[in-house]
Amino acid sequence: MDTLPIINQTYDLYKQIVDIVDHLEKRHRLSLGKSIEDTVLNLLSELIMAKNAPKPLKAGYLIKSCAHQETCMLKLRLCLELKLVNETKIFQAQSTAEEVGRQIGGWLKSTHSQ
């Protein structure tokens, strides 16, 4: 089974998030860290659903994916503003998440034009 580049990139984002969460203090790891991980896993799940869904249903999954991506960006920004972890790791994860968002937008646009 072929894996789409957006799914591979989201998988890489998840690995980056796991590394970030590992470096959080325990109280943040169990709340914000777990929440970020869950958000990215939900994003990944929605993308896989979109990949396998019939054409008329793809847009709904992509809209949910977009919401999870935006939520992830906000949570990463919160980590940055609260200075909870290394800034470089947060910037790298944000960059990956932004790229995933651009790909979702392009995929969503292509479903509307069909």
Protein backbone atom coordinates (compact mmCIF):
# COMPACT_ATOMS: atom_id res chain seq x y z
CA MET A 1 0.00 0.00 0.00
CA ASP A 2 1.36 3.41 -0.98
CA THR A 3 1.79 6.06 1.66
CA LEU A 4 1.17 9.66 0.68
CA PRO A 5 3.94 12.22 1.32
CA ILE A 6 1.62 14.19 3.62
CA ILE A 7 1.14 11.11 5.79
CA ASN A 8 4.90 10.53 5.93
CA GLN A 9 5.45 14.16 6.88
CA THR A 10 2.79 13.98 9.60
CA TYR A 11 4.46 10.83 10.89
CA ASP A 12 7.76 12.75 11.04
CA LEU A 13 5.95 15.54 12.88
CA TYR A 14 4.74 13.02 15.44
CA LYS A 15 8.32 11.82 16.01
CA GLN A 16 9.41 15.45 16.54
CA ILE A 17 6.55 15.97 19.01
CA VAL A 18 7.51 12.84 20.97
CA ASP A 19 11.04 14.21 21.30
CA ILE A 20 9.71 17.57 22.49
CA VAL A 21 7.35 15.97 25.00
CA ASP A 22 10.18 13.82 26.39
CA HIS A 23 11.97 17.03 27.39
CA LEU A 24 9.01 18.68 29.12
CA GLU A 25 8.74 18.81 32.90
CA LYS A 26 6.51 16.10 34.29
CA ARG A 27 3.53 18.35 35.01
CA HIS A 28 3.54 19.72 31.44
CA ARG A 29 4.35 16.34 29.90
CA LEU A 30 1.20 14.78 31.34
CA SER A 31 -1.09 17.64 30.30
CA LEU A 32 0.07 19.79 27.38
CA GLY A 33 2.52 17.19 26.06
CA LYS A 34 -0.07 14.40 25.99
CA SER A 35 -2.56 16.80 24.40
CA ILE A 36 -0.15 17.71 21.58
CA GLU A 37 0.60 14.05 20.92
CA ASP A 38 -3.11 13.23 20.79
CA THR A 39 -3.74 16.13 18.40
CA VAL A 40 -1.06 14.95 15.97
CA LEU A 41 -2.30 11.35 16.16
CA ASN A 42 -5.83 12.58 15.40
CA LEU A 43 -4.42 14.57 12.48
CA LEU A 44 -2.69 11.45 11.18
CA SER A 45 -5.86 9.41 11.59
CA GLU A 46 -7.98 11.94 9.67
CA LEU A 47 -5.43 12.05 6.84
CA ILE A 48 -5.48 8.26 6.56
CA MET A 49 -9.29 8.35 6.53
CA ALA A 50 -9.19 11.00 3.77
CA LYS A 51 -6.77 8.88 1.76
CA ASN A 52 -9.09 5.88 1.89
CA ALA A 53 -12.46 7.64 1.72
CA PRO A 54 -14.57 7.85 -1.42
CA LYS A 55 -14.15 11.17 -3.27
CA PRO A 56 -17.35 12.81 -1.96
CA LEU A 57 -16.26 12.23 1.66
CA LYS A 58 -12.61 13.30 1.41
CA ALA A 59 -13.30 17.01 2.01
CA GLY A 60 -14.88 16.35 5.43
CA TYR A 61 -11.84 14.44 6.65
CA LEU A 62 -9.51 17.09 5.26
CA ILE A 63 -11.41 19.86 7.05
CA LYS A 64 -11.04 17.94 10.33
CA SER A 65 -7.35 17.44 9.53
CA CYS A 66 -6.97 21.17 9.03
CA ALA A 67 -8.54 21.83 12.43
CA HIS A 68 -6.15 19.37 14.12
CA GLN A 69 -3.19 20.98 12.36
CA GLU A 70 -4.22 24.46 13.55
CA THR A 71 -4.72 23.18 17.08
CA CYS A 72 -1.26 21.61 17.00
CA MET A 73 0.23 24.93 15.89
CA LEU A 74 -1.44 26.75 18.78
CA LYS A 75 -0.19 24.21 21.32
CA LEU A 76 3.35 24.43 19.95
CA ARG A 77 3.15 28.22 20.18
CA LEU A 78 2.07 27.86 23.80
CA CYS A 79 5.14 25.71 24.53
CA LEU A 80 7.29 28.37 22.91
CA GLU A 81 5.71 31.29 24.77
CA LEU A 82 5.93 29.49 28.12
CA LYS A 83 9.57 28.57 27.36
CA LEU A 84 8.90 24.93 28.22
CA VAL A 85 11.39 23.37 25.83
CA ASN A 86 14.24 24.16 23.41
CA GLU A 87 13.13 26.82 20.91
CA THR A 88 14.92 25.18 17.99
CA LYS A 89 12.92 21.96 18.39
CA ILE A 90 9.67 23.93 18.55
CA PHE A 91 10.58 25.93 15.42
CA GLN A 92 11.41 22.72 13.53
CA ALA A 93 8.11 21.12 14.56
CA GLN A 94 6.21 24.30 13.63
CA SER A 95 7.87 24.31 10.22
CA THR A 96 6.86 20.69 9.62
CA ALA A 97 3.32 21.38 10.84
CA GLU A 98 3.05 24.41 8.52
CA GLU A 99 4.14 22.29 5.56
CA VAL A 100 1.51 19.68 6.48
CA GLY A 101 -1.06 22.49 6.60
CA ARG A 102 -0.08 23.70 3.13
CA GLN A 103 -0.41 20.17 1.78
CA ILE A 104 -3.83 19.75 3.40
CA GLY A 105 -4.93 23.04 1.83
CA GLY A 106 -3.76 21.93 -1.61
CA TRP A 107 -5.46 18.56 -1.25
CA LEU A 108 -8.67 20.21 -0.08
CA LYS A 109 -8.58 22.65 -3.01
CA SER A 110 -8.13 19.74 -5.44
CA THR A 111 -11.20 17.97 -4.01
CA HIS A 112 -13.34 21.07 -4.63
CA SER A 113 -12.17 21.41 -8.23
CA GLN A 114 -13.11 17.82 -9.12
